[in-house]
């Protein structure tokens, strides 16, 4: 076994462990430390979230190999469980190109394949999760007073932001008689939680800025100048949402619009990923099929994006 392959496997194993622990925290609401048998409560969550990350990254991988671009296997990024800090057990996964991407057609295929593959994985996860919702008694094992009028009063509450796809899947796969958890409780349901997380990651990657997947797609479709304009507008929107969320948090206006994390993400994009996309050696006009796929990718962005992905109330 090569040293590099050992690193990939090692990171996968560590990420499996950290997502397993995160899964226990999300689904049971109980902080650690845990006995070994109790960790089984996080197994479904860990498998589902690693399924999404693997499908997303191998979408990139196989597209790169198709175009004879040398790439690594995915590097899974674990995130350690920290007391009192909510996390998903991972910060995602990345692959690294080892040879140049010489033209925009290859750039487009590599950029689009990951988020589209990951989006399909999210649909599968959410379809299963909404089709197999446990009865209302499940939430009572975590919050015995859930149906009490006093539930949640004077307590910190975390609410995930709804998205177009999440809402559509909820309507499509649930019946009026089902107990469907509100967005403030879906993190206790492993398939709903990981499906939502997958949409969040997909949206972040499809923002058409710099060398994000969305940046690769926009640059390959529209060229350098149009991409720069699209990227600048996207940055303005992110900064606006971030500042709105920050002001709302500090002044407690209760607007429910924007998230301060978008401001942090815009700083990361500006200083590290950059707004402009670097030029490729050879630029060609995309065929109609790829253009359609590109527009589909931006529809996926709209269906996966939430202006307020996290809302914490006290």
Protein backbone atom coordinates (compact mmCIF):
# COMPACT_ATOMS: atom_id res chain seq x y z
CA UNK A 1 0.00 0.00 0.00
CA UNK A 2 1.46 3.37 -1.00
CA UNK A 3 1.90 6.10 1.57
CA UNK A 4 -0.56 8.35 -0.29
CA UNK A 5 -3.29 5.69 -0.36
CA UNK A 6 -2.74 5.12 3.34
CA UNK A 7 -3.39 8.84 3.95
CA UNK A 8 -6.69 8.69 2.02
CA UNK A 9 -7.84 5.60 3.89
CA UNK A 10 -6.72 7.04 7.22
CA UNK A 11 -8.63 10.28 6.68
CA UNK A 12 -11.71 8.32 5.63
CA UNK A 13 -11.55 6.23 8.81
CA UNK A 14 -11.05 9.29 11.03
CA UNK A 15 -13.92 11.10 9.29
CA UNK A 16 -16.11 8.04 9.75
CA UNK A 17 -15.37 8.18 13.49
CA UNK A 18 -16.00 11.94 13.80
CA UNK A 19 -19.26 11.70 11.81
CA UNK A 20 -20.27 8.71 13.91
CA UNK A 21 -19.87 10.80 17.07
CA UNK A 22 -21.60 13.78 15.45
CA UNK A 23 -24.44 11.47 14.42
CA UNK A 24 -24.94 10.38 18.01
CA UNK A 25 -25.05 14.00 19.17
CA UNK A 26 -27.51 15.05 16.46
CA UNK A 27 -29.85 12.07 16.70
CA UNK A 28 -29.96 11.60 20.46
CA UNK A 29 -29.34 15.11 21.74
CA UNK A 30 -26.95 13.67 24.33
CA UNK A 31 -23.36 14.91 24.70
CA UNK A 32 -20.47 12.51 25.09
CA UNK A 33 -18.47 10.69 26.16
CA UNK A 34 -20.24 7.59 24.88
CA UNK A 35 -19.94 3.91 25.47
CA UNK A 36 -19.00 1.92 22.39
CA UNK A 37 -22.47 0.38 22.02
CA UNK A 38 -24.08 3.83 22.12
CA UNK A 39 -22.09 4.90 19.05
CA UNK A 40 -24.31 2.66 16.93
CA UNK A 41 -26.94 5.41 17.18
CA UNK A 42 -24.79 7.50 14.85
CA UNK A 43 -24.10 4.79 12.27
CA UNK A 44 -26.93 5.71 9.88
CA UNK A 45 -25.91 9.36 9.96
CA UNK A 46 -22.22 8.58 9.31
CA UNK A 47 -22.97 6.25 6.40
CA UNK A 48 -25.40 8.70 4.79
CA UNK A 49 -23.10 11.72 5.02
CA UNK A 50 -20.09 9.78 3.73
CA UNK A 51 -22.24 8.45 0.91
CA UNK A 52 -23.02 12.01 -0.18
CA UNK A 53 -19.40 13.18 0.08
CA UNK A 54 -18.11 10.13 -1.79
CA UNK A 55 -20.62 10.47 -4.63
CA UNK A 56 -19.83 14.18 -4.97
CA UNK A 57 -16.05 13.76 -5.03
CA UNK A 58 -16.01 10.72 -7.29
CA UNK A 59 -18.20 12.66 -9.71
CA UNK A 60 -15.23 15.03 -10.02
CA UNK A 61 -12.76 12.14 -10.04
CA UNK A 62 -14.27 10.16 -12.91
CA UNK A 63 -14.82 13.29 -15.01
CA UNK A 64 -11.16 14.21 -14.52
CA UNK A 65 -9.99 10.73 -15.47
CA UNK A 66 -12.22 10.84 -18.56
CA UNK A 67 -10.33 13.94 -19.69
CA UNK A 68 -6.99 12.34 -18.73
CA UNK A 69 -6.39 14.83 -15.93
CA UNK A 70 -4.40 13.26 -13.11
CA UNK A 71 -6.18 13.60 -9.78
CA UNK A 72 -5.93 12.14 -6.31
CA UNK A 73 -8.52 10.09 -4.53
CA UNK A 74 -10.71 12.18 -2.17
CA UNK A 75 -9.17 13.64 0.95
CA UNK A 76 -11.92 13.42 3.57
CA UNK A 77 -11.74 16.24 6.12
CA UNK A 78 -12.74 15.24 9.66
CA UNK A 79 -13.95 17.76 12.19
CA UNK A 80 -13.49 16.79 15.84
CA UNK A 81 -16.48 16.86 18.17
CA UNK A 82 -16.21 19.88 20.45
CA UNK A 83 -18.36 20.22 23.59
CA UNK A 84 -21.06 22.84 23.16
CA UNK A 85 -20.25 23.37 19.46
CA UNK A 86 -22.59 21.92 16.87
CA UNK A 87 -20.90 20.36 13.86
CA UNK A 88 -21.48 17.70 11.24
CA UNK A 89 -18.32 15.72 12.02
CA UNK A 90 -16.70 16.75 8.75
CA UNK A 91 -15.76 19.78 6.72
CA UNK A 92 -16.32 17.89 3.47
CA UNK A 93 -13.84 16.29 1.13
CA UNK A 94 -11.60 17.43 -1.71
CA UNK A 95 -9.65 15.96 -4.57
CA UNK A 96 -6.44 17.51 -5.87
CA UNK A 97 -5.51 17.81 -9.53
CA UNK A 98 -1.95 16.69 -10.30
CA UNK A 99 -1.85 17.85 -13.91
CA UNK A 100 -3.20 21.01 -15.61
CA UNK A 101 -6.77 21.24 -16.89
CA UNK A 102 -5.92 22.53 -20.34
CA UNK A 103 -9.31 23.57 -21.73
CA UNK A 104 -12.66 24.85 -20.55
CA UNK A 105 -14.56 21.78 -21.77
CA UNK A 106 -12.65 19.55 -19.36
CA UNK A 107 -12.97 22.28 -16.71
CA UNK A 108 -16.73 22.34 -17.19
CA UNK A 109 -17.15 18.57 -17.01
CA UNK A 110 -15.02 18.28 -13.88
CA UNK A 111 -16.74 21.23 -12.18
CA UNK A 112 -20.31 20.21 -12.98
CA UNK A 113 -20.07 16.47 -12.36
CA UNK A 114 -19.43 16.67 -8.60
CA UNK A 115 -22.34 18.87 -7.48
CA UNK A 116 -24.80 17.25 -9.89
CA UNK A 117 -23.82 13.77 -8.68
CA UNK A 118 -24.00 14.96 -5.08
CA UNK A 119 -27.40 16.55 -5.71
CA UNK A 120 -28.73 13.22 -6.99
CA UNK A 121 -27.35 11.58 -3.85
CA UNK A 122 -29.24 14.16 -1.76
CA UNK A 123 -32.47 13.35 -3.59
CA UNK A 124 -31.99 9.65 -2.85
CA UNK A 125 -31.23 10.32 0.83
CA UNK A 126 -34.17 12.69 1.30
CA UNK A 127 -36.59 10.47 -0.63
CA UNK A 128 -35.74 7.58 1.67
CA UNK A 129 -35.81 9.79 4.78
CA UNK A 130 -39.21 11.31 4.09
CA UNK A 131 -40.65 7.96 2.95
CA UNK A 132 -39.55 6.26 6.17
CA UNK A 133 -40.24 8.82 8.85
CA UNK A 134 -40.52 7.25 12.31
CA UNK A 135 -43.73 7.81 14.30
CA UNK A 136 -44.12 10.77 16.63
CA UNK A 137 -42.97 8.60 19.55
CA UNK A 138 -39.43 8.87 18.17
CA UNK A 139 -39.12 12.57 19.01
CA UNK A 140 -40.43 11.84 22.51
CA UNK A 141 -37.42 9.58 23.18
CA UNK A 142 -35.26 12.68 22.68
CA UNK A 143 -37.59 15.39 24.00
CA UNK A 144 -40.14 13.77 26.35
CA UNK A 145 -41.94 17.13 26.72
CA UNK A 146 -42.04 17.88 22.98
CA UNK A 147 -45.83 18.11 22.78
CA UNK A 148 -46.07 20.16 25.97
CA UNK A 149 -47.05 23.84 25.56
CA UNK A 150 -43.96 24.72 27.61
CA UNK A 151 -41.54 22.95 25.25
CA UNK A 152 -38.76 25.20 23.97
CA UNK A 153 -39.59 28.21 26.11
CA UNK A 154 -36.52 30.00 27.50
CA UNK A 155 -34.24 27.54 25.69
CA UNK A 156 -31.71 27.87 22.88
CA UNK A 157 -33.18 26.66 19.60
CA UNK A 158 -31.40 25.75 16.36
CA UNK A 159 -33.41 25.89 13.16
CA UNK A 160 -32.14 24.76 9.76
CA UNK A 161 -33.20 26.93 6.83
CA UNK A 162 -35.68 25.44 4.38
CA UNK A 163 -34.82 25.13 0.68
CA UNK A 164 -36.92 24.67 -2.44
CA UNK A 165 -35.85 21.05 -2.91
CA UNK A 166 -36.26 20.15 0.76
CA UNK A 167 -39.79 21.59 0.73
CA UNK A 168 -40.62 19.79 -2.51
CA UNK A 169 -39.38 16.43 -1.21
CA UNK A 170 -41.35 16.93 2.01
CA UNK A 171 -44.55 17.55 0.06
CA UNK A 172 -43.92 14.71 -2.39
CA UNK A 173 -43.04 11.91 0.02
CA UNK A 174 -45.14 12.61 3.11
CA UNK A 175 -48.83 12.17 3.77
CA UNK A 176 -51.17 14.37 5.85
CA UNK A 177 -51.21 11.77 8.62
CA UNK A 178 -47.41 11.60 8.98
CA UNK A 179 -45.59 13.36 11.77
CA UNK A 180 -43.19 15.58 9.84
CA UNK A 181 -40.60 17.25 12.06
CA UNK A 182 -40.23 21.04 11.78
CA UNK A 183 -36.94 22.52 10.57
CA UNK A 184 -35.97 23.04 14.22
CA UNK A 185 -35.94 19.27 14.80
CA UNK A 186 -34.75 17.66 11.56
CA UNK A 187 -31.21 17.21 12.87
CA UNK A 188 -32.57 14.40 15.04
CA UNK A 189 -33.50 12.50 11.85
CA UNK A 190 -30.28 11.19 10.23
CA UNK A 191 -31.48 11.01 6.61
CA UNK A 192 -33.16 14.43 6.73
CA UNK A 193 -30.13 15.93 8.44
CA UNK A 194 -27.58 14.52 6.00
CA UNK A 195 -29.77 15.30 3.00
CA UNK A 196 -30.06 18.90 4.19
CA UNK A 197 -26.30 19.06 4.81
CA UNK A 198 -25.68 17.77 1.29
CA UNK A 199 -27.84 20.54 -0.18
CA UNK A 200 -25.99 23.12 1.92
CA UNK A 201 -22.60 21.90 0.69
CA UNK A 202 -23.87 21.70 -2.90
CA UNK A 203 -25.11 25.30 -2.76
CA UNK A 204 -21.82 26.56 -1.32
CA UNK A 205 -19.87 24.83 -4.08
CA UNK A 206 -22.14 26.04 -6.89
CA UNK A 207 -21.79 29.74 -6.09
CA UNK A 208 -20.30 31.01 -9.40
CA UNK A 209 -17.16 32.55 -7.91
CA UNK A 210 -13.47 31.86 -8.59
CA UNK A 211 -12.49 28.21 -8.57
CA UNK A 212 -15.57 26.89 -6.84
CA UNK A 213 -17.47 24.33 -8.92
CA UNK A 214 -19.96 27.05 -9.86
CA UNK A 215 -17.06 29.28 -10.90
CA UNK A 216 -15.70 26.57 -13.20
CA UNK A 217 -19.13 26.17 -14.77
CA UNK A 218 -19.81 29.90 -15.25
CA UNK A 219 -16.31 30.56 -16.64
CA UNK A 220 -16.56 27.64 -19.06
CA UNK A 221 -20.02 28.69 -20.25
CA UNK A 222 -19.69 32.47 -20.49
CA UNK A 223 -16.00 33.32 -20.71
CA UNK A 224 -13.74 35.46 -18.56
CA UNK A 225 -15.48 38.86 -18.66
CA UNK A 226 -19.05 37.61 -18.15
CA UNK A 227 -17.88 35.27 -15.42
CA UNK A 228 -16.19 38.16 -13.62
CA UNK A 229 -19.46 40.12 -13.68
CA UNK A 230 -21.48 37.10 -12.48
CA UNK A 231 -18.93 36.43 -9.73
CA UNK A 232 -18.97 40.07 -8.58
CA UNK A 233 -22.78 40.10 -8.36
CA UNK A 234 -22.68 36.82 -6.44
CA UNK A 235 -20.19 38.30 -3.97
CA UNK A 236 -22.39 41.37 -3.47
CA UNK A 237 -25.38 39.11 -2.71
CA UNK A 238 -23.34 37.04 -0.23
CA UNK A 239 -22.03 40.15 1.52
CA UNK A 240 -25.54 41.62 1.67
CA UNK A 241 -26.93 38.41 3.19
CA UNK A 242 -23.99 38.24 5.61
CA UNK A 243 -24.28 41.85 6.76
CA UNK A 244 -28.08 41.51 7.10
CA UNK A 245 -27.63 38.45 9.28
CA UNK A 246 -24.95 40.15 11.37
CA UNK A 247 -27.05 43.26 11.98
CA UNK A 248 -30.10 41.13 12.75
CA UNK A 249 -28.11 39.13 15.32
CA UNK A 250 -26.58 42.11 17.10
CA UNK A 251 -29.63 44.36 17.12
CA UNK A 252 -32.10 41.49 17.62
CA UNK A 253 -34.42 42.91 14.99
CA UNK A 254 -36.07 39.56 14.32
CA UNK A 255 -35.90 40.02 10.55
CA UNK A 256 -35.11 36.35 9.93
CA UNK A 257 -33.21 37.26 6.77
CA UNK A 258 -29.52 36.65 6.15
CA UNK A 259 -26.81 34.73 7.97
CA UNK A 260 -23.53 36.11 9.28
CA UNK A 261 -21.78 32.96 8.03
CA UNK A 262 -22.27 34.16 4.45
CA UNK A 263 -20.10 37.16 5.29
CA UNK A 264 -17.35 34.85 6.55
CA UNK A 265 -17.72 32.70 3.42
CA UNK A 266 -17.41 35.79 1.22
CA UNK A 267 -14.13 36.67 2.98
CA UNK A 268 -12.82 33.15 2.37
CA UNK A 269 -13.78 33.42 -1.30
CA UNK A 270 -12.22 36.86 -1.74
CA UNK A 271 -8.90 36.23 0.02
CA UNK A 272 -8.29 32.52 -0.65
CA UNK A 273 -10.39 31.19 -3.54
CA UNK A 274 -10.47 34.56 -5.36
CA UNK A 275 -13.31 36.10 -7.31
CA UNK A 276 -11.83 35.83 -10.80
CA UNK A 277 -11.28 32.47 -12.48
CA UNK A 278 -7.74 31.88 -13.81
CA UNK A 279 -7.60 31.46 -17.60
CA UNK A 280 -7.21 28.04 -19.24
CA UNK A 281 -4.78 27.38 -22.07
CA UNK A 282 -7.47 26.63 -24.63
CA UNK A 283 -10.99 28.06 -24.63
CA UNK A 284 -13.73 26.65 -26.86
CA UNK A 285 -17.45 27.22 -27.16
CA UNK A 286 -19.47 24.63 -25.27
CA UNK A 287 -21.88 22.40 -27.16
CA UNK A 288 -25.64 22.61 -26.52
CA UNK A 289 -25.69 19.55 -24.27
CA UNK A 290 -23.12 21.02 -21.90
CA UNK A 291 -24.87 24.38 -21.87
CA UNK A 292 -28.10 22.68 -20.81
CA UNK A 293 -26.22 20.84 -18.06
CA UNK A 294 -24.71 24.15 -16.96
CA UNK A 295 -28.11 25.81 -16.65
CA UNK A 296 -29.36 22.74 -14.77
CA UNK A 297 -26.46 23.18 -12.36
CA UNK A 298 -27.56 26.74 -11.60
CA UNK A 299 -31.14 25.55 -11.10
CA UNK A 300 -29.67 23.08 -8.60
CA UNK A 301 -28.02 26.04 -6.85
CA UNK A 302 -31.35 27.83 -6.54
CA UNK A 303 -33.08 24.68 -5.29
CA UNK A 304 -30.35 24.00 -2.71
CA UNK A 305 -29.65 27.51 -1.42
CA UNK A 306 -31.06 28.89 1.82
CA UNK A 307 -30.54 32.60 2.67
CA UNK A 308 -30.72 31.63 6.34
CA UNK A 309 -29.24 28.12 6.63
CA UNK A 310 -28.86 28.36 10.40
CA UNK A 311 -31.00 30.33 12.83
CA UNK A 312 -30.26 30.24 16.54
CA UNK A 313 -32.81 31.75 18.90
CA UNK A 314 -32.54 32.23 22.64
